[in-house]
Amino acid sequence: MLTHDELKIKALQREGVKDVYDALEPEYAVIRELLRARQAAGLTQTQVAERMHTKSPAVARLESLSGKHSPSLGTLTKYAEAVGCKLEIRLVPRPSAKGA
């Protein structure tokens, strides 16, 4: 049986898989930020939901890559406040290729 890392390496060698994987990186980065902030605050999903005045399944959806909908800025702001953070959005220039 393959380990997770071995399976990932094998899958990324298939045509088209790496492109899809790379395209999902921004969403995974947001999820990692949400999880990191909640864990740093020492809160459960239920506690965050209570602070947001919502239910825990809504928080679970925010912290997963369901792809069914994108959360609004208002929802992300409420989540940030619930975990003791502020929402900050930045646009970061992409590294340019030489000669471009």
PDB file of N, CA and C in Angstrom:
ATOM      1  N   MET A   1       0.849  -1.176   0.000  1.00  0.00           N
ATOM      2  CA  MET A   1       0.000   0.000   0.000  1.00  0.00           C
ATOM      3  C   MET A   1       0.900   1.247   0.000  1.00  0.00           C
ATOM      4  N   LEU A   2       0.519   2.221  -0.797  1.00  0.00           N
ATOM      5  CA  LEU A   2       1.286   3.461  -0.905  1.00  0.00           C
ATOM      6  C   LEU A   2       1.000   4.382   0.277  1.00  0.00           C
ATOM      7  N   THR A   3       2.015   5.120   0.694  1.00  0.00           N
ATOM      8  CA  THR A   3       1.802   6.153   1.698  1.00  0.00           C
ATOM      9  C   THR A   3       1.146   7.340   1.009  1.00  0.00           C
ATOM     10  N   HIS A   4       0.691   8.289   1.790  1.00  0.00           N
ATOM     11  CA  HIS A   4       0.068   9.491   1.226  1.00  0.00           C
ATOM     12  C   HIS A   4       1.047  10.218   0.309  1.00  0.00           C
ATOM     13  N   ASP A   5       2.282  10.395   0.778  1.00  0.00           N
ATOM     14  CA  ASP A   5       3.282  11.112  -0.028  1.00  0.00           C
ATOM     15  C   ASP A   5       3.592  10.376  -1.330  1.00  0.00           C
ATOM     16  N   GLU A   6       3.685   9.044  -1.274  1.00  0.00           N
ATOM     17  CA  GLU A   6       3.960   8.258  -2.485  1.00  0.00           C
ATOM     18  C   GLU A   6       2.801   8.375  -3.471  1.00  0.00           C
ATOM     19  N   LEU A   7       1.579   8.314  -2.948  1.00  0.00           N
ATOM     20  CA  LEU A   7       0.395   8.428  -3.803  1.00  0.00           C
ATOM     21  C   LEU A   7       0.338   9.809  -4.454  1.00  0.00           C
ATOM     22  N   LYS A   8       0.664  10.845  -3.681  1.00  0.00           N
ATOM     23  CA  LYS A   8       0.666  12.205  -4.213  1.00  0.00           C
ATOM     24  C   LYS A   8       1.684  12.347  -5.343  1.00  0.00           C
ATOM     25  N   ILE A   9       2.880  11.849  -5.132  1.00  0.00           N
ATOM     26  CA  ILE A   9       3.925  11.918  -6.159  1.00  0.00           C
ATOM     27  C   ILE A   9       3.482  11.191  -7.419  1.00  0.00           C
ATOM     28  N   LYS A  10       2.906  10.017  -7.240  1.00  0.00           N
ATOM     29  CA  LYS A  10       2.451   9.232  -8.388  1.00  0.00           C
ATOM     30  C   LYS A  10       1.313   9.951  -9.129  1.00  0.00           C
ATOM     31  N   ALA A  11       0.382  10.495  -8.381  1.00  0.00           N
ATOM     32  CA  ALA A  11      -0.762  11.180  -8.998  1.00  0.00           C
ATOM     33  C   ALA A  11      -0.322  12.428  -9.757  1.00  0.00           C
ATOM     34  N   LEU A  12       0.617  13.178  -9.192  1.00  0.00           N
ATOM     35  CA  LEU A  12       1.060  14.420  -9.829  1.00  0.00           C
ATOM     36  C   LEU A  12       1.813  14.181 -11.130  1.00  0.00           C
ATOM     37  N   GLN A  13       2.218  12.946 -11.366  1.00  0.00           N
ATOM     38  CA  GLN A  13       2.901  12.613 -12.616  1.00  0.00           C
ATOM     39  C   GLN A  13       1.908  12.387 -13.757  1.00  0.00           C
ATOM     40  N   ARG A  14       0.638  12.180 -13.423  1.00  0.00           N
ATOM     41  CA  ARG A  14      -0.381  11.968 -14.453  1.00  0.00           C
ATOM     42  C   ARG A  14      -0.705  13.276 -15.151  1.00  0.00           C
ATOM     43  N   GLU A  15      -0.982  13.177 -16.431  1.00  0.00           N
ATOM     44  CA  GLU A  15      -1.270  14.355 -17.246  1.00  0.00           C
ATOM     45  C   GLU A  15      -2.473  15.124 -16.699  1.00  0.00           C
ATOM     46  N   GLY A  16      -2.291  16.416 -16.510  1.00  0.00           N
ATOM     47  CA  GLY A  16      -3.377  17.281 -16.078  1.00  0.00           C
ATOM     48  C   GLY A  16      -3.575  17.371 -14.577  1.00  0.00           C
ATOM     49  N   VAL A  17      -3.090  16.392 -13.829  1.00  0.00           N
ATOM     50  CA  VAL A  17      -3.329  16.369 -12.384  1.00  0.00           C
ATOM     51  C   VAL A  17      -2.614  17.535 -11.699  1.00  0.00           C
ATOM     52  N   LYS A  18      -1.376  17.790 -12.073  1.00  0.00           N
ATOM     53  CA  LYS A  18      -0.623  18.873 -11.435  1.00  0.00           C
ATOM     54  C   LYS A  18      -1.282  20.224 -11.685  1.00  0.00           C
ATOM     55  N   ASP A  19      -1.804  20.439 -12.877  1.00  0.00           N
ATOM     56  CA  ASP A  19      -2.472  21.706 -13.179  1.00  0.00           C
ATOM     57  C   ASP A  19      -3.681  21.918 -12.258  1.00  0.00           C
ATOM     58  N   VAL A  20      -4.473  20.883 -12.077  1.00  0.00           N
ATOM     59  CA  VAL A  20      -5.650  20.967 -11.208  1.00  0.00           C
ATOM     60  C   VAL A  20      -5.212  21.166  -9.761  1.00  0.00           C
ATOM     61  N   TYR A  21      -4.200  20.411  -9.356  1.00  0.00           N
ATOM     62  CA  TYR A  21      -3.663  20.508  -7.993  1.00  0.00           C
ATOM     63  C   TYR A  21      -3.178  21.935  -7.724  1.00  0.00           C
ATOM     64  N   ASP A  22      -2.407  22.490  -8.640  1.00  0.00           N
ATOM     65  CA  ASP A  22      -1.881  23.842  -8.468  1.00  0.00           C
ATOM     66  C   ASP A  22      -2.997  24.888  -8.451  1.00  0.00           C
ATOM     67  N   ALA A  23      -4.037  24.665  -9.236  1.00  0.00           N
ATOM     68  CA  ALA A  23      -5.154  25.609  -9.291  1.00  0.00           C
ATOM     69  C   ALA A  23      -5.907  25.666  -7.961  1.00  0.00           C
ATOM     70  N   LEU A  24      -5.873  24.580  -7.203  1.00  0.00           N
ATOM     71  CA  LEU A  24      -6.574  24.536  -5.918  1.00  0.00           C
ATOM     72  C   LEU A  24      -5.761  25.130  -4.770  1.00  0.00           C
ATOM     73  N   GLU A  25      -4.493  25.425  -4.989  1.00  0.00           N
ATOM     74  CA  GLU A  25      -3.619  25.910  -3.914  1.00  0.00           C
ATOM     75  C   GLU A  25      -4.165  27.134  -3.192  1.00  0.00           C
ATOM     76  N   PRO A  26      -4.687  28.153  -3.877  1.00  0.00           N
ATOM     77  CA  PRO A  26      -5.209  29.314  -3.128  1.00  0.00           C
ATOM     78  C   PRO A  26      -6.321  28.929  -2.146  1.00  0.00           C
ATOM     79  N   GLU A  27      -7.190  28.002  -2.546  1.00  0.00           N
ATOM     80  CA  GLU A  27      -8.257  27.573  -1.637  1.00  0.00           C
ATOM     81  C   GLU A  27      -7.684  26.816  -0.440  1.00  0.00           C
ATOM     82  N   TYR A  28      -6.720  25.939  -0.695  1.00  0.00           N
ATOM     83  CA  TYR A  28      -6.086  25.214   0.406  1.00  0.00           C
ATOM     84  C   TYR A  28      -5.362  26.179   1.341  1.00  0.00           C
ATOM     85  N   ALA A  29      -4.766  27.229   0.804  1.00  0.00           N
ATOM     86  CA  ALA A  29      -4.065  28.209   1.635  1.00  0.00           C
ATOM     87  C   ALA A  29      -5.043  28.908   2.580  1.00  0.00           C
ATOM     88  N   VAL A  30      -6.225  29.249   2.086  1.00  0.00           N
ATOM     89  CA  VAL A  30      -7.239  29.881   2.934  1.00  0.00           C
ATOM     90  C   VAL A  30      -7.670  28.916   4.035  1.00  0.00           C
ATOM     91  N   ILE A  31      -7.904  27.673   3.681  1.00  0.00           N
ATOM     92  CA  ILE A  31      -8.318  26.682   4.674  1.00  0.00           C
ATOM     93  C   ILE A  31      -7.245  26.510   5.741  1.00  0.00           C
ATOM     94  N   ARG A  32      -5.976  26.436   5.312  1.00  0.00           N
ATOM     95  CA  ARG A  32      -4.884  26.314   6.296  1.00  0.00           C
ATOM     96  C   ARG A  32      -4.870  27.505   7.245  1.00  0.00           C
ATOM     97  N   GLU A  33      -5.112  28.701   6.726  1.00  0.00           N
ATOM     98  CA  GLU A  33      -5.153  29.900   7.568  1.00  0.00           C
ATOM     99  C   GLU A  33      -6.297  29.825   8.580  1.00  0.00           C
ATOM    100  N   LEU A  34      -7.466  29.410   8.114  1.00  0.00           N
ATOM    101  CA  LEU A  34      -8.608  29.293   9.021  1.00  0.00           C
ATOM    102  C   LEU A  34      -8.306  28.302  10.138  1.00  0.00           C
ATOM    103  N   LEU A  35      -7.823  27.134   9.780  1.00  0.00           N
ATOM    104  CA  LEU A  35      -7.526  26.105  10.780  1.00  0.00           C
ATOM    105  C   LEU A  35      -6.442  26.569  11.747  1.00  0.00           C
ATOM    106  N   ARG A  36      -5.400  27.185  11.218  1.00  0.00           N
ATOM    107  CA  ARG A  36      -4.297  27.669  12.060  1.00  0.00           C
ATOM    108  C   ARG A  36      -4.808  28.690  13.073  1.00  0.00           C
ATOM    109  N   ALA A  37      -5.655  29.616  12.623  1.00  0.00           N
ATOM    110  CA  ALA A  37      -6.176  30.653  13.513  1.00  0.00           C
ATOM    111  C   ALA A  37      -7.082  30.062  14.590  1.00  0.00           C
ATOM    112  N   ARG A  38      -7.942  29.123  14.188  1.00  0.00           N
ATOM    113  CA  ARG A  38      -8.846  28.514  15.175  1.00  0.00           C
ATOM    114  C   ARG A  38      -8.062  27.722  16.203  1.00  0.00           C
ATOM    115  N   GLN A  39      -7.083  26.953  15.738  1.00  0.00           N
ATOM    116  CA  GLN A  39      -6.281  26.149  16.663  1.00  0.00           C
ATOM    117  C   GLN A  39      -5.453  27.036  17.588  1.00  0.00           C
ATOM    118  N   ALA A  40      -4.917  28.134  17.058  1.00  0.00           N
ATOM    119  CA  ALA A  40      -4.143  29.066  17.885  1.00  0.00           C
ATOM    120  C   ALA A  40      -5.028  29.699  18.961  1.00  0.00           C
ATOM    121  N   ALA A  41      -6.301  29.902  18.635  1.00  0.00           N
ATOM    122  CA  ALA A  41      -7.243  30.462  19.598  1.00  0.00           C
ATOM    123  C   ALA A  41      -7.725  29.411  20.598  1.00  0.00           C
ATOM    124  N   GLY A  42      -7.422  28.144  20.324  1.00  0.00           N
ATOM    125  CA  GLY A  42      -7.834  27.057  21.213  1.00  0.00           C
ATOM    126  C   GLY A  42      -9.328  26.815  21.209  1.00  0.00           C
ATOM    127  N   LEU A  43      -9.948  27.019  20.049  1.00  0.00           N
ATOM    128  CA  LEU A  43     -11.402  26.889  19.942  1.00  0.00           C
ATOM    129  C   LEU A  43     -11.804  25.680  19.109  1.00  0.00           C
ATOM    130  N   THR A  44     -12.964  25.151  19.408  1.00  0.00           N
ATOM    131  CA  THR A  44     -13.557  24.094  18.592  1.00  0.00           C
ATOM    132  C   THR A  44     -14.429  24.744  17.518  1.00  0.00           C
ATOM    133  N   GLN A  45     -14.844  23.958  16.545  1.00  0.00           N
ATOM    134  CA  GLN A  45     -15.757  24.478  15.527  1.00  0.00           C
ATOM    135  C   GLN A  45     -17.063  24.936  16.170  1.00  0.00           C
ATOM    136  N   THR A  46     -17.518  24.217  17.160  1.00  0.00           N
ATOM    137  CA  THR A  46     -18.762  24.575  17.843  1.00  0.00           C
ATOM    138  C   THR A  46     -18.625  25.919  18.539  1.00  0.00           C
ATOM    139  N   GLN A  47     -17.493  26.154  19.187  1.00  0.00           N
ATOM    140  CA  GLN A  47     -17.275  27.430  19.863  1.00  0.00           C
ATOM    141  C   GLN A  47     -17.202  28.582  18.867  1.00  0.00           C
ATOM    142  N   VAL A  48     -16.535  28.359  17.741  1.00  0.00           N
ATOM    143  CA  VAL A  48     -16.475  29.388  16.706  1.00  0.00           C
ATOM    144  C   VAL A  48     -17.881  29.669  16.177  1.00  0.00           C
ATOM    145  N   ALA A  49     -18.645  28.614  15.938  1.00  0.00           N
ATOM    146  CA  ALA A  49     -20.016  28.784  15.443  1.00  0.00           C
ATOM    147  C   ALA A  49     -20.851  29.615  16.408  1.00  0.00           C
ATOM    148  N   GLU A  50     -20.730  29.334  17.694  1.00  0.00           N
ATOM    149  CA  GLU A  50     -21.482  30.103  18.692  1.00  0.00           C
ATOM    150  C   GLU A  50     -21.106  31.580  18.628  1.00  0.00           C
ATOM    151  N   ARG A  51     -19.826  31.871  18.496  1.00  0.00           N
ATOM    152  CA  ARG A  51     -19.365  33.257  18.428  1.00  0.00           C
ATOM    153  C   ARG A  51     -19.823  33.937  17.136  1.00  0.00           C
ATOM    154  N   MET A  52     -20.010  33.154  16.080  1.00  0.00           N
ATOM    155  CA  MET A  52     -20.466  33.694  14.798  1.00  0.00           C
ATOM    156  C   MET A  52     -21.990  33.745  14.713  1.00  0.00           C
ATOM    157  N   HIS A  53     -22.668  33.195  15.739  1.00  0.00           N
ATOM    158  CA  HIS A  53     -24.129  33.102  15.751  1.00  0.00           C
ATOM    159  C   HIS A  53     -24.622  32.251  14.579  1.00  0.00           C
ATOM    160  N   THR A  54     -23.979  31.108  14.419  1.00  0.00           N
ATOM    161  CA  THR A  54     -24.366  30.154  13.382  1.00  0.00           C
ATOM    162  C   THR A  54     -24.248  28.755  13.964  1.00  0.00           C
ATOM    163  N   LYS A  55     -24.331  27.757  13.121  1.00  0.00           N
ATOM    164  CA  LYS A  55     -24.227  26.359  13.571  1.00  0.00           C
ATOM    165  C   LYS A  55     -22.890  25.773  13.156  1.00  0.00           C
ATOM    166  N   SER A  56     -22.446  24.759  13.885  1.00  0.00           N
ATOM    167  CA  SER A  56     -21.127  24.179  13.614  1.00  0.00           C
ATOM    168  C   SER A  56     -20.979  23.591  12.206  1.00  0.00           C
ATOM    169  N   PRO A  57     -22.032  23.040  11.572  1.00  0.00           N
ATOM    170  CA  PRO A  57     -21.838  22.571  10.191  1.00  0.00           C
ATOM    171  C   PRO A  57     -21.414  23.695   9.236  1.00  0.00           C
ATOM    172  N   ALA A  58     -21.846  24.926   9.519  1.00  0.00           N
ATOM    173  CA  ALA A  58     -21.444  26.058   8.673  1.00  0.00           C
ATOM    174  C   ALA A  58     -19.946  26.312   8.809  1.00  0.00           C
ATOM    175  N   VAL A  59     -19.428  26.175  10.019  1.00  0.00           N
ATOM    176  CA  VAL A  59     -17.989  26.345  10.243  1.00  0.00           C
ATOM    177  C   VAL A  59     -17.227  25.197   9.592  1.00  0.00           C
ATOM    178  N   ALA A  60     -17.762  23.991   9.703  1.00  0.00           N
ATOM    179  CA  ALA A  60     -17.120  22.830   9.069  1.00  0.00           C
ATOM    180  C   ALA A  60     -17.024  23.030   7.557  1.00  0.00           C
ATOM    181  N   ARG A  61     -18.082  23.582   6.949  1.00  0.00           N
ATOM    182  CA  ARG A  61     -18.051  23.853   5.501  1.00  0.00           C
ATOM    183  C   ARG A  61     -16.987  24.890   5.165  1.00  0.00           C
ATOM    184  N   LEU A  62     -16.854  25.923   6.003  1.00  0.00           N
ATOM    185  CA  LEU A  62     -15.826  26.944   5.774  1.00  0.00           C
ATOM    186  C   LEU A  62     -14.429  26.325   5.790  1.00  0.00           C
ATOM    187  N   GLU A  63     -14.235  25.360   6.681  1.00  0.00           N
ATOM    188  CA  GLU A  63     -12.918  24.770   6.874  1.00  0.00           C
ATOM    189  C   GLU A  63     -12.663  23.563   5.974  1.00  0.00           C
ATOM    190  N   SER A  64     -13.521  23.359   5.008  1.00  0.00           N
ATOM    191  CA  SER A  64     -13.327  22.238   4.088  1.00  0.00           C
ATOM    192  C   SER A  64     -13.306  22.760   2.654  1.00  0.00           C
ATOM    193  N   LEU A  65     -12.831  21.935   1.776  1.00  0.00           N
ATOM    194  CA  LEU A  65     -12.776  22.306   0.362  1.00  0.00           C
ATOM    195  C   LEU A  65     -13.957  21.649  -0.345  1.00  0.00           C
ATOM    196  N   SER A  66     -15.148  22.144  -0.038  1.00  0.00           N
ATOM    197  CA  SER A  66     -16.342  21.537  -0.620  1.00  0.00           C
ATOM    198  C   SER A  66     -16.546  21.965  -2.063  1.00  0.00           C
ATOM    199  N   GLY A  67     -16.093  23.173  -2.392  1.00  0.00           N
ATOM    200  CA  GLY A  67     -16.222  23.662  -3.754  1.00  0.00           C
ATOM    201  C   GLY A  67     -17.637  24.038  -4.156  1.00  0.00           C
ATOM    202  N   LYS A  68     -18.595  23.909  -3.234  1.00  0.00           N
ATOM    203  CA  LYS A  68     -19.980  24.205  -3.579  1.00  0.00           C
ATOM    204  C   LYS A  68     -20.260  25.701  -3.594  1.00  0.00           C
ATOM    205  N   HIS A  69     -19.568  26.431  -2.738  1.00  0.00           N
ATOM    206  CA  HIS A  69     -19.743  27.882  -2.728  1.00  0.00           C
ATOM    207  C   HIS A  69     -18.519  28.526  -2.098  1.00  0.00           C
ATOM    208  N   SER A  70     -18.337  29.779  -2.415  1.00  0.00           N
ATOM    209  CA  SER A  70     -17.256  30.545  -1.811  1.00  0.00           C
ATOM    210  C   SER A  70     -17.849  31.400  -0.708  1.00  0.00           C
ATOM    211  N   PRO A  71     -17.201  31.442   0.442  1.00  0.00           N
ATOM    212  CA  PRO A  71     -17.743  32.257   1.527  1.00  0.00           C
ATOM    213  C   PRO A  71     -17.638  33.738   1.196  1.00  0.00           C
ATOM    214  N   SER A  72     -18.573  34.507   1.705  1.00  0.00           N
ATOM    215  CA  SER A  72     -18.556  35.954   1.490  1.00  0.00           C
ATOM    216  C   SER A  72     -17.486  36.587   2.375  1.00  0.00           C
ATOM    217  N   LEU A  73     -17.126  37.812   2.044  1.00  0.00           N
ATOM    218  CA  LEU A  73     -16.183  38.547   2.893  1.00  0.00           C
ATOM    219  C   LEU A  73     -16.770  38.758   4.283  1.00  0.00           C
ATOM    220  N   GLY A  74     -18.064  38.941   4.347  1.00  0.00           N
ATOM    221  CA  GLY A  74     -18.724  39.106   5.645  1.00  0.00           C
ATOM    222  C   GLY A  74     -18.572  37.869   6.514  1.00  0.00           C
ATOM    223  N   THR A  75     -18.748  36.699   5.919  1.00  0.00           N
ATOM    224  CA  THR A  75     -18.607  35.444   6.658  1.00  0.00           C
ATOM    225  C   THR A  75     -17.162  35.253   7.113  1.00  0.00           C
ATOM    226  N   LEU A  76     -16.220  35.527   6.222  1.00  0.00           N
ATOM    227  CA  LEU A  76     -14.813  35.396   6.594  1.00  0.00           C
ATOM    228  C   LEU A  76     -14.442  36.391   7.697  1.00  0.00           C
ATOM    229  N   THR A  77     -15.017  37.591   7.658  1.00  0.00           N
ATOM    230  CA  THR A  77     -14.769  38.590   8.698  1.00  0.00           C
ATOM    231  C   THR A  77     -15.315  38.109  10.035  1.00  0.00           C
ATOM    232  N   LYS A  78     -16.531  37.557  10.039  1.00  0.00           N
ATOM    233  CA  LYS A  78     -17.117  37.026  11.275  1.00  0.00           C
ATOM    234  C   LYS A  78     -16.263  35.889  11.835  1.00  0.00           C
ATOM    235  N   TYR A  79     -15.777  35.011  10.955  1.00  0.00           N
ATOM    236  CA  TYR A  79     -14.925  33.906  11.397  1.00  0.00           C
ATOM    237  C   TYR A  79     -13.655  34.470  12.035  1.00  0.00           C
ATOM    238  N   ALA A  80     -13.031  35.425  11.349  1.00  0.00           N
ATOM    239  CA  ALA A  80     -11.799  36.021  11.867  1.00  0.00           C
ATOM    240  C   ALA A  80     -12.036  36.632  13.252  1.00  0.00           C
ATOM    241  N   GLU A  81     -13.102  37.377  13.402  1.00  0.00           N
ATOM    242  CA  GLU A  81     -13.410  37.984  14.695  1.00  0.00           C
ATOM    243  C   GLU A  81     -13.669  36.922  15.758  1.00  0.00           C
ATOM    244  N   ALA A  82     -14.327  35.839  15.380  1.00  0.00           N
ATOM    245  CA  ALA A  82     -14.638  34.765  16.328  1.00  0.00           C
ATOM    246  C   ALA A  82     -13.381  34.093  16.872  1.00  0.00           C
ATOM    247  N   VAL A  83     -12.316  34.078  16.071  1.00  0.00           N
ATOM    248  CA  VAL A  83     -11.068  33.436  16.520  1.00  0.00           C
ATOM    249  C   VAL A  83     -10.043  34.478  16.975  1.00  0.00           C
ATOM    250  N   GLY A  84     -10.489  35.720  17.162  1.00  0.00           N
ATOM    251  CA  GLY A  84      -9.614  36.755  17.686  1.00  0.00           C
ATOM    252  C   GLY A  84      -8.647  37.333  16.671  1.00  0.00           C
ATOM    253  N   CYS A  85      -9.055  37.347  15.422  1.00  0.00           N
ATOM    254  CA  CYS A  85      -8.203  37.875  14.352  1.00  0.00           C
ATOM    255  C   CYS A  85      -8.955  38.945  13.575  1.00  0.00           C
ATOM    256  N   LYS A  86      -8.252  39.563  12.645  1.00  0.00           N
ATOM    257  CA  LYS A  86      -8.905  40.449  11.692  1.00  0.00           C
ATOM    258  C   LYS A  86      -8.627  39.874  10.301  1.00  0.00           C
ATOM    259  N   LEU A  87      -9.547  40.086   9.414  1.00  0.00           N
ATOM    260  CA  LEU A  87      -9.387  39.599   8.045  1.00  0.00           C
ATOM    261  C   LEU A  87      -8.527  40.582   7.275  1.00  0.00           C
ATOM    262  N   GLU A  88      -7.513  40.062   6.618  1.00  0.00           N
ATOM    263  CA  GLU A  88      -6.639  40.886   5.791  1.00  0.00           C
ATOM    264  C   GLU A  88      -6.485  40.194   4.450  1.00  0.00           C
ATOM    265  N   ILE A  89      -6.755  40.924   3.380  1.00  0.00           N
ATOM    266  CA  ILE A  89      -6.633  40.365   2.036  1.00  0.00           C
ATOM    267  C   ILE A  89      -5.553  41.144   1.310  1.00  0.00           C
ATOM    268  N   ARG A  90      -4.642  40.429   0.682  1.00  0.00           N
ATOM    269  CA  ARG A  90      -3.554  41.076  -0.044  1.00  0.00           C
ATOM    270  C   ARG A  90      -3.463  40.507  -1.445  1.00  0.00           C
ATOM    271  N   LEU A  91      -3.050  41.337  -2.359  1.00  0.00           N
ATOM    272  CA  LEU A  91      -2.717  40.884  -3.704  1.00  0.00           C
ATOM    273  C   LEU A  91      -1.198  40.901  -3.796  1.00  0.00           C
ATOM    274  N   VAL A  92      -0.624  39.766  -4.140  1.00  0.00           N
ATOM    275  CA  VAL A  92       0.821  39.621  -4.173  1.00  0.00           C
ATOM    276  C   VAL A  92       1.254  39.425  -5.625  1.00  0.00           C
ATOM    277  N   PRO A  93       2.171  40.265  -6.102  1.00  0.00           N
ATOM    278  CA  PRO A  93       2.629  40.096  -7.481  1.00  0.00           C
ATOM    279  C   PRO A  93       3.246  38.711  -7.689  1.00  0.00           C
ATOM    280  N   ARG A  94       2.956  38.135  -8.828  1.00  0.00           N
ATOM    281  CA  ARG A  94       3.566  36.852  -9.192  1.00  0.00           C
ATOM    282  C   ARG A  94       5.006  37.093  -9.632  1.00  0.00           C
ATOM    283  N   PRO A  95       5.876  36.141  -9.353  1.00  0.00           N
ATOM    284  CA  PRO A  95       7.236  36.311  -9.865  1.00  0.00           C
ATOM    285  C   PRO A  95       7.204  36.281 -11.390  1.00  0.00           C
ATOM    286  N   SER A  96       7.897  37.218 -12.002  1.00  0.00           N
ATOM    287  CA  SER A  96       7.881  37.250 -13.465  1.00  0.00           C
ATOM    288  C   SER A  96       9.001  36.354 -14.011  1.00  0.00           C
ATOM    289  N   ALA A  97       8.727  35.774 -15.146  1.00  0.00           N
ATOM    290  CA  ALA A  97       9.727  34.927 -15.805  1.00  0.00           C
ATOM    291  C   ALA A  97      10.772  35.828 -16.434  1.00  0.00           C
ATOM    292  N   LYS A  98      12.007  35.348 -16.504  1.00  0.00           N
ATOM    293  CA  LYS A  98      13.066  36.119 -17.136  1.00  0.00           C
ATOM    294  C   LYS A  98      12.722  36.384 -18.601  1.00  0.00           C
ATOM    295  N   GLY A  99      12.948  37.622 -18.990  1.00  0.00           N
ATOM    296  CA  GLY A  99      12.724  37.984 -20.394  1.00  0.00           C
ATOM    297  C   GLY A  99      11.276  38.263 -20.731  1.00  0.00           C
ATOM    298  N   ALA A 100      10.397  38.198 -19.735  1.00  0.00           N
ATOM    299  CA  ALA A 100       8.975  38.440 -20.021  1.00  0.00           C
ATOM    300  C   ALA A 100       8.642  39.890 -19.964  1.00  0.00           C
TER     301      ALA A 100
END
